[in-house]
Protein backbone atom coordinates (compact mmCIF):
# COMPACT_ATOMS: atom_id res chain seq x y z
CA UNK A 1 0.97 -0.48 1.53
CA UNK A 2 2.36 -1.59 -1.76
CA UNK A 3 5.35 -2.83 0.15
CA UNK A 4 3.11 -5.02 2.30
CA UNK A 5 1.41 -6.33 -0.83
CA UNK A 6 4.63 -7.17 -2.64
CA UNK A 7 5.86 -9.18 0.32
CA UNK A 8 3.06 -11.67 -0.30
CA UNK A 9 4.68 -12.62 -3.60
CA UNK A 10 8.13 -13.99 -2.81
CA UNK A 11 10.58 -15.14 -5.44
CA UNK A 12 11.34 -18.81 -6.12
CA UNK A 13 15.03 -18.31 -5.25
CA UNK A 14 15.82 -18.85 -1.55
CA UNK A 15 16.51 -15.80 0.54
CA UNK A 16 17.54 -15.08 4.09
CA UNK A 17 14.77 -15.17 6.69
CA UNK A 18 14.12 -11.73 8.18
CA UNK A 19 13.50 -11.31 11.90
CA UNK A 20 9.90 -10.54 12.93
CA UNK A 21 9.29 -6.79 13.00
CA UNK A 22 8.21 -6.82 16.64
CA UNK A 23 11.50 -8.41 17.68
CA UNK A 24 13.53 -5.94 15.59
CA UNK A 25 11.69 -2.98 17.15
CA UNK A 26 12.18 -4.32 20.69
CA UNK A 27 15.90 -4.91 20.13
CA UNK A 28 16.52 -1.48 18.59
CA UNK A 29 14.60 0.36 21.31
CA UNK A 30 16.34 -1.58 24.07
CA UNK A 31 19.77 -0.90 22.54
CA UNK A 32 18.96 2.77 21.92
CA UNK A 33 17.83 3.21 25.55
CA UNK A 34 21.10 1.77 26.88
CA UNK A 35 23.22 3.90 24.53
CA UNK A 36 21.31 7.02 25.66
CA UNK A 37 22.25 6.11 29.24
CA UNK A 38 25.92 6.38 28.26
CA UNK A 39 26.88 2.69 28.03
CA UNK A 40 29.37 1.69 25.27
CA UNK A 41 28.02 -0.30 22.35
CA UNK A 42 29.47 -3.70 23.32
CA UNK A 43 28.36 -3.25 26.92
CA UNK A 44 24.88 -2.29 25.70
CA UNK A 45 24.76 -5.42 23.54
CA UNK A 46 25.81 -7.53 26.53
CA UNK A 47 23.07 -6.02 28.71
CA UNK A 48 20.52 -6.49 25.90
CA UNK A 49 21.41 -10.19 25.82
CA UNK A 50 20.11 -10.55 29.39
CA UNK A 51 16.69 -10.86 27.76
CA UNK A 52 16.53 -14.50 26.50
CA UNK A 53 14.42 -13.43 23.51
CA UNK A 54 17.09 -10.96 22.33
CA UNK A 55 20.17 -12.94 23.40
CA UNK A 56 20.77 -14.73 20.04
CA UNK A 57 20.53 -11.42 18.13
CA UNK A 58 22.92 -9.64 20.50
CA UNK A 59 25.34 -12.58 20.38
CA UNK A 60 25.43 -12.60 16.56
CA UNK A 61 26.00 -8.83 16.31
CA UNK A 62 28.67 -8.87 19.05
CA UNK A 63 30.62 -11.69 17.40
CA UNK A 64 30.52 -9.92 14.03
CA UNK A 65 31.71 -6.61 15.51
CA UNK A 66 34.57 -8.32 17.35
CA UNK A 67 35.97 -9.77 14.11
CA UNK A 68 35.97 -6.31 12.52
CA UNK A 69 32.71 -6.29 10.57
CA UNK A 70 31.00 -2.88 10.15
CA UNK A 71 27.71 -2.20 11.89
CA UNK A 72 25.49 -2.76 8.84
CA UNK A 73 27.15 -6.10 8.01
CA UNK A 74 26.72 -7.26 11.62
CA UNK A 75 23.02 -6.44 11.62
CA UNK A 76 22.63 -8.11 8.22
CA UNK A 77 24.06 -11.32 9.68
CA UNK A 78 21.44 -11.03 12.44
CA UNK A 79 18.73 -10.95 9.73
CA UNK A 80 17.49 -7.39 10.21
CA UNK A 81 15.41 -5.77 7.47
CA UNK A 82 16.85 -3.94 4.48
CA UNK A 83 15.71 -0.58 5.85
CA UNK A 84 17.73 -1.03 9.05
CA UNK A 85 20.83 -2.22 7.18
CA UNK A 86 20.60 0.74 4.79
CA UNK A 87 20.47 3.22 7.68
CA UNK A 88 23.34 1.56 9.52
CA UNK A 89 25.51 1.62 6.39
CA UNK A 90 25.72 5.39 6.82
CA UNK A 91 26.65 4.99 10.50
CA UNK A 92 30.16 4.24 9.25
CA UNK A 93 30.52 8.01 8.93
CA UNK A 94 27.66 9.37 11.03
CA UNK A 95 28.49 8.08 14.54
CA UNK A 96 25.23 9.05 16.24
CA UNK A 97 24.10 5.46 16.80
CA UNK A 98 21.22 6.24 19.21
CA UNK A 99 19.68 8.53 16.59
CA UNK A 100 20.12 5.90 13.87
CA UNK A 101 18.57 3.15 16.00
CA UNK A 102 15.70 5.46 16.98
CA UNK A 103 14.93 6.24 13.32
CA UNK A 104 15.06 2.56 12.39
CA UNK A 105 12.75 1.63 15.26
CA UNK A 106 10.28 4.37 14.27
CA UNK A 107 10.14 3.22 10.63
CA UNK A 108 9.69 -0.42 11.61
CA UNK A 109 7.03 0.57 14.15
CA UNK A 110 5.06 2.41 11.45
CA UNK A 111 5.32 -0.59 9.11
CA UNK A 112 4.34 -3.05 11.86
CA UNK A 113 1.48 -0.95 13.26
CA UNK A 114 -0.21 -0.25 9.94
CA UNK A 115 0.26 -3.80 8.68
CA UNK A 116 -1.62 -5.01 11.75
CA UNK A 117 -4.32 -2.36 11.29
CA UNK A 118 -4.70 -3.31 7.62
CA UNK A 119 -5.13 -6.99 8.51
CA UNK A 120 -7.72 -6.14 11.17
CA UNK A 121 -9.63 -3.81 8.84
CA UNK A 122 -9.60 -6.25 5.92
CA UNK A 123 -10.55 -9.39 7.85
CA UNK A 124 -14.31 -8.75 8.20
CA UNK A 125 -14.89 -7.20 4.72
CA UNK A 126 -13.07 -10.10 3.04
CA UNK A 127 -15.18 -12.57 5.00
CA UNK A 128 -18.35 -10.77 3.87
CA UNK A 129 -17.10 -10.64 0.28
CA UNK A 130 -16.44 -14.38 0.33
CA UNK A 131 -19.92 -14.98 1.77
CA UNK A 132 -21.52 -12.85 -0.98
CA UNK A 133 -19.63 -14.76 -3.68
CA UNK A 134 -20.76 -18.11 -2.25
CA UNK A 135 -24.35 -16.91 -1.83
CA UNK A 136 -24.53 -15.56 -5.35
CA UNK A 137 -22.98 -18.77 -6.67
CA UNK A 138 -25.91 -20.67 -5.15
CA UNK A 139 -28.37 -18.12 -6.58
CA UNK A 140 -26.75 -18.39 -10.01
CA UNK A 141 -27.17 -22.18 -10.06
CA UNK A 142 -30.72 -22.28 -8.66
CA UNK A 143 -32.76 -19.08 -9.01
CA UNK A 144 -31.22 -17.56 -12.15
CA UNK A 145 -31.97 -20.59 -14.41
CA UNK A 146 -35.57 -20.60 -13.14
CA UNK A 147 -35.92 -16.90 -13.94
CA UNK A 148 -34.52 -17.42 -17.41
CA UNK A 149 -36.92 -20.28 -18.13
CA UNK A 150 -39.89 -18.24 -16.88
CA UNK A 151 -39.18 -15.28 -19.10
CA UNK A 152 -37.57 -16.95 -22.11
CA UNK A 153 -40.72 -16.46 -24.24
CA UNK A 154 -41.16 -12.78 -23.35
CA UNK A 155 -40.03 -10.25 -25.92
CA UNK A 156 -38.78 -7.88 -23.23
CA UNK A 157 -36.72 -9.17 -20.31
CA UNK A 158 -37.83 -7.99 -16.85
CA UNK A 159 -35.64 -5.62 -14.86
CA UNK A 160 -34.98 -8.21 -12.14
CA UNK A 161 -33.45 -10.65 -14.64
CA UNK A 162 -31.25 -7.91 -16.10
CA UNK A 163 -30.08 -6.97 -12.58
CA UNK A 164 -29.13 -10.58 -11.79
CA UNK A 165 -27.26 -10.92 -15.06
CA UNK A 166 -25.52 -7.60 -14.47
CA UNK A 167 -24.42 -8.71 -10.99
CA UNK A 168 -23.23 -12.00 -12.48
CA UNK A 169 -21.12 -10.24 -15.11
CA UNK A 170 -19.81 -7.74 -12.56
CA UNK A 171 -18.74 -10.35 -9.98
CA UNK A 172 -17.22 -12.57 -12.65
CA UNK A 173 -15.31 -9.59 -14.03
CA UNK A 174 -14.16 -8.64 -10.53
CA UNK A 175 -12.82 -12.16 -9.99
CA UNK A 176 -10.92 -12.14 -13.30
CA UNK A 177 -9.48 -8.68 -12.65
CA UNK A 178 -8.33 -9.74 -9.17
CA UNK A 179 -6.68 -12.87 -10.59
CA UNK A 180 -5.00 -10.81 -13.31
CA UNK A 181 -3.65 -8.32 -10.74
CA UNK A 182 -2.23 -11.15 -8.64
CA UNK A 183 -0.48 -12.63 -11.68
CA UNK A 184 0.89 -9.22 -12.71
CA UNK A 185 2.17 -8.51 -9.18
CA UNK A 186 3.81 -11.93 -9.05
CA UNK A 187 5.45 -11.42 -12.45
CA UNK A 188 6.53 -7.90 -11.45
CA UNK A 189 8.09 -9.19 -8.22
CA UNK A 190 9.79 -12.07 -10.03
CA UNK A 191 11.27 -10.24 -13.03
CA UNK A 192 12.01 -6.81 -11.53
CA UNK A 193 15.50 -7.80 -10.23
CA UNK A 194 16.43 -8.97 -13.75
CA UNK A 195 15.77 -5.57 -15.34
CA UNK A 196 18.31 -2.80 -15.70
CA UNK A 197 17.92 0.26 -13.47
CA UNK A 198 16.75 2.33 -16.46
CA UNK A 199 14.03 -0.21 -17.30
CA UNK A 200 12.97 -0.39 -13.66
CA UNK A 201 12.68 3.39 -13.37
CA UNK A 202 10.67 3.51 -16.59
CA UNK A 203 8.15 1.04 -15.09
CA UNK A 204 7.97 3.04 -11.86
CA UNK A 205 7.33 6.30 -13.71
CA UNK A 206 4.53 4.82 -15.88
CA UNK A 207 2.63 3.15 -13.01
CA UNK A 208 0.77 5.79 -10.96
CA UNK A 209 0.45 3.98 -7.58
CA UNK A 210 3.97 2.56 -7.69
CA UNK A 211 5.32 5.94 -8.80
CA UNK A 212 3.80 7.69 -5.78
CA UNK A 213 5.20 5.06 -3.41
CA UNK A 214 8.67 5.19 -4.97
CA UNK A 215 8.72 9.01 -4.94
CA UNK A 216 8.03 8.98 -1.21
CA UNK A 217 10.56 6.22 -0.46
CA UNK A 218 13.44 7.57 -2.54
CA UNK A 219 12.87 11.20 -1.43
CA UNK A 220 12.75 10.17 2.23
CA UNK A 221 15.91 8.05 2.00
CA UNK A 222 17.74 10.71 0.00
CA UNK A 223 16.84 13.51 2.44
CA UNK A 224 17.53 11.44 5.57
CA UNK A 225 20.87 9.98 4.55
CA UNK A 226 22.26 13.12 2.92
CA UNK A 227 21.26 15.15 5.97
CA UNK A 228 23.00 12.73 8.35
CA UNK A 229 26.19 12.70 6.26
CA UNK A 230 26.31 16.50 6.04
CA UNK A 231 25.78 16.77 9.81
CA UNK A 232 28.72 14.39 10.26
CA UNK A 233 30.90 17.01 8.55
CA UNK A 234 31.31 15.48 5.08
CA UNK A 235 31.45 17.80 2.07
CA UNK A 236 28.50 17.46 -0.31
CA UNK A 237 30.42 15.65 -3.03
CA UNK A 238 31.84 13.07 -0.63
CA UNK A 239 28.40 12.52 0.90
CA UNK A 240 26.92 11.87 -2.56
CA UNK A 241 29.79 9.51 -3.37
CA UNK A 242 29.05 7.50 -0.24
CA UNK A 243 25.37 7.32 -1.19
CA UNK A 244 26.39 6.12 -4.65
CA UNK A 245 28.40 3.29 -3.09
CA UNK A 246 25.55 1.76 -1.06
CA UNK A 247 23.89 -1.30 -2.60
CA UNK A 248 20.58 -1.71 -0.74
CA UNK A 249 18.58 0.79 -2.83
CA UNK A 250 19.55 0.75 -6.50
CA UNK A 251 17.44 3.80 -7.37
CA UNK A 252 19.14 5.87 -4.66
CA UNK A 253 22.55 4.73 -5.93
CA UNK A 254 21.62 5.57 -9.52
CA UNK A 255 20.37 9.05 -8.64
CA UNK A 256 23.44 9.85 -6.54
CA UNK A 257 25.67 8.92 -9.49
CA UNK A 258 23.54 10.99 -11.87
CA UNK A 259 23.82 14.05 -9.62
CA UNK A 260 27.59 13.59 -9.33
CA UNK A 261 27.91 13.37 -13.12
CA UNK A 262 25.88 16.56 -13.56
CA UNK A 263 27.98 18.37 -10.97
CA UNK A 264 31.20 17.26 -12.68
CA UNK A 265 29.82 18.69 -15.93
CA UNK A 266 29.40 22.06 -14.23
CA UNK A 267 25.64 21.92 -13.66
CA UNK A 268 24.28 23.75 -10.64
CA UNK A 269 23.19 21.61 -7.70
CA UNK A 270 19.49 22.46 -7.98
CA UNK A 271 19.41 21.82 -11.72
CA UNK A 272 21.20 18.48 -11.33
CA UNK A 273 18.17 17.10 -9.47
CA UNK A 274 15.74 17.76 -12.35
CA UNK A 275 16.82 14.59 -14.16
CA UNK A 276 15.92 12.54 -11.05
CA UNK A 277 12.22 12.23 -11.81
CA UNK A 278 11.33 10.20 -8.70
CA UNK A 279 12.58 12.87 -6.29
CA UNK A 280 9.80 15.06 -4.94
CA UNK A 281 9.56 18.74 -5.80
CA UNK A 282 10.31 19.79 -2.21
CA UNK A 283 13.84 18.39 -2.55
CA UNK A 284 14.49 20.32 -5.75
CA UNK A 285 13.20 23.50 -4.10
CA UNK A 286 15.54 23.06 -1.13
CA UNK A 287 18.59 22.65 -3.36
CA UNK A 288 17.58 25.63 -5.50
CA UNK A 289 17.46 28.18 -2.69
CA UNK A 290 20.00 26.74 -0.21
CA UNK A 291 23.78 26.80 -0.73
CA UNK A 292 25.03 26.67 2.86
CA UNK A 293 25.69 23.04 3.88
CA UNK A 294 24.58 23.52 7.48
CA UNK A 295 21.27 25.03 6.40
CA UNK A 296 20.90 22.36 3.73
CA UNK A 297 21.41 19.61 6.30
CA UNK A 298 18.82 21.15 8.63
CA UNK A 299 16.20 21.59 5.89
CA UNK A 300 16.70 18.05 4.63
CA UNK A 301 16.24 16.75 8.17
CA UNK A 302 13.02 18.75 8.56
CA UNK A 303 11.78 17.43 5.20
CA UNK A 304 12.38 13.82 6.24
CA UNK A 305 10.33 14.39 9.40
CA UNK A 306 7.51 15.98 7.37
CA UNK A 307 7.49 13.02 4.99
CA UNK A 308 7.10 10.61 7.92
CA UNK A 309 4.15 12.66 9.21
CA UNK A 310 2.58 12.63 5.72
CA UNK A 311 3.04 8.85 5.53
CA UNK A 312 1.23 8.37 8.85
CA UNK A 313 -1.65 10.60 7.72
CA UNK A 314 -2.03 8.81 4.37
CA UNK A 315 -1.92 5.36 5.93
CA UNK A 316 -4.45 6.34 8.60
CA UNK A 317 -6.79 7.85 6.01
CA UNK A 318 -6.48 4.80 3.73
CA UNK A 319 -7.16 2.34 6.53
CA UNK A 320 -10.21 4.36 7.63
CA UNK A 321 -11.65 4.32 4.09
CA UNK A 322 -11.21 0.62 3.37
CA UNK A 323 -14.06 -0.73 5.51
CA UNK A 324 -16.73 1.83 4.44
CA UNK A 325 -15.92 1.29 0.76
CA UNK A 326 -16.13 -2.50 1.11
CA UNK A 327 -19.32 -2.36 3.18
CA UNK A 328 -21.05 0.03 0.76
CA UNK A 329 -20.11 -2.15 -2.22
CA UNK A 330 -21.19 -5.39 -0.53
CA UNK A 331 -24.42 -3.82 0.78
CA UNK A 332 -25.22 -2.56 -2.72
CA UNK A 333 -24.79 -6.05 -4.19
CA UNK A 334 -26.93 -7.64 -1.45
CA UNK A 335 -29.72 -5.07 -1.91
CA UNK A 336 -29.72 -5.56 -5.69
CA UNK A 337 -29.88 -9.34 -5.35
CA UNK A 338 -32.73 -9.11 -2.83
CA UNK A 339 -34.63 -6.60 -4.96
CA UNK A 340 -34.21 -8.63 -8.14
CA UNK A 341 -35.60 -11.73 -6.43
CA UNK A 342 -38.47 -10.07 -4.56
CA UNK A 343 -39.65 -7.67 -7.29
CA UNK A 344 -41.20 -10.36 -9.56
CA UNK A 345 -42.92 -11.91 -6.53
CA UNK A 346 -44.59 -8.60 -5.64
CA UNK A 347 -45.67 -8.18 -9.26
CA UNK A 348 -47.21 -11.65 -9.35
CA UNK A 349 -49.00 -11.02 -6.03
CA UNK A 350 -50.59 -7.86 -7.47
CA UNK A 351 -51.87 -9.83 -10.45
CA UNK A 352 -53.62 -12.40 -8.26
């Protein structure tokens, strides 16, 4: 979800336009289906181009492959997302293209599905919140001054006036906090690429929500890519060296180099992961009790699948909680405003 939020705050420098997620998912699934049927890659791309929507993508990738470009570079030219390009970088060694395309399609599907759900869930609460702000703005300019003038000579202020003032301070504070968060997110998105990897990791580790997101992302990528490289028959050190050479995820590159340095110093594999603070504890546990590369590859693959399941559960739970929380908060404000206005009227009626 943080990823969806950060995408709202683009940098001033121009960047390449990314294909819509729905089109990326359709292309990857179509290509994966043809490869599963036994067709060669170029033939599969040719058959995929029969769909006019996908023809420009297939043409770009085919032309890049024919001039000798690797798979990840070809897909980058076709404007696929960073996640897809990162996965296909490792296809240079791991030749199971259908599996790679299937994983990419699944990740993009999760991102696309929950982004849509989040937009649907947020649409009505945001509309209500805007309505409440406008309504209270009218109340603040009309009713609140009248209340203040009525009770300005009283030594003790009535509860209704205190409630209105409290709501006023609360909504004003909420607006300022929201504005401050937007500015901070924009500044974070703008200046993050200019920081060194050590400074970036320090920020991640000190920010709870971002830390949790980064721990999931880096652990998932580390487990998935290392598992695929080990299954392709690479020794552990060579697999880590290849991970250290990729450029799409700087944190993953940094951690792979740190682990290699620790191993060269004679540190045990499990202990070498302790300095990688954004790797989840499950990864460290796997490396502590597993020495066989085949078993290690299998357990890493299982862990990556479990992480995907956990992501789906967390996203589903978060989306389900958003509307009730918004509705309860908005209903509470509306009830307080209504009570603060009607309470003095009832008191005056009793005095008549």
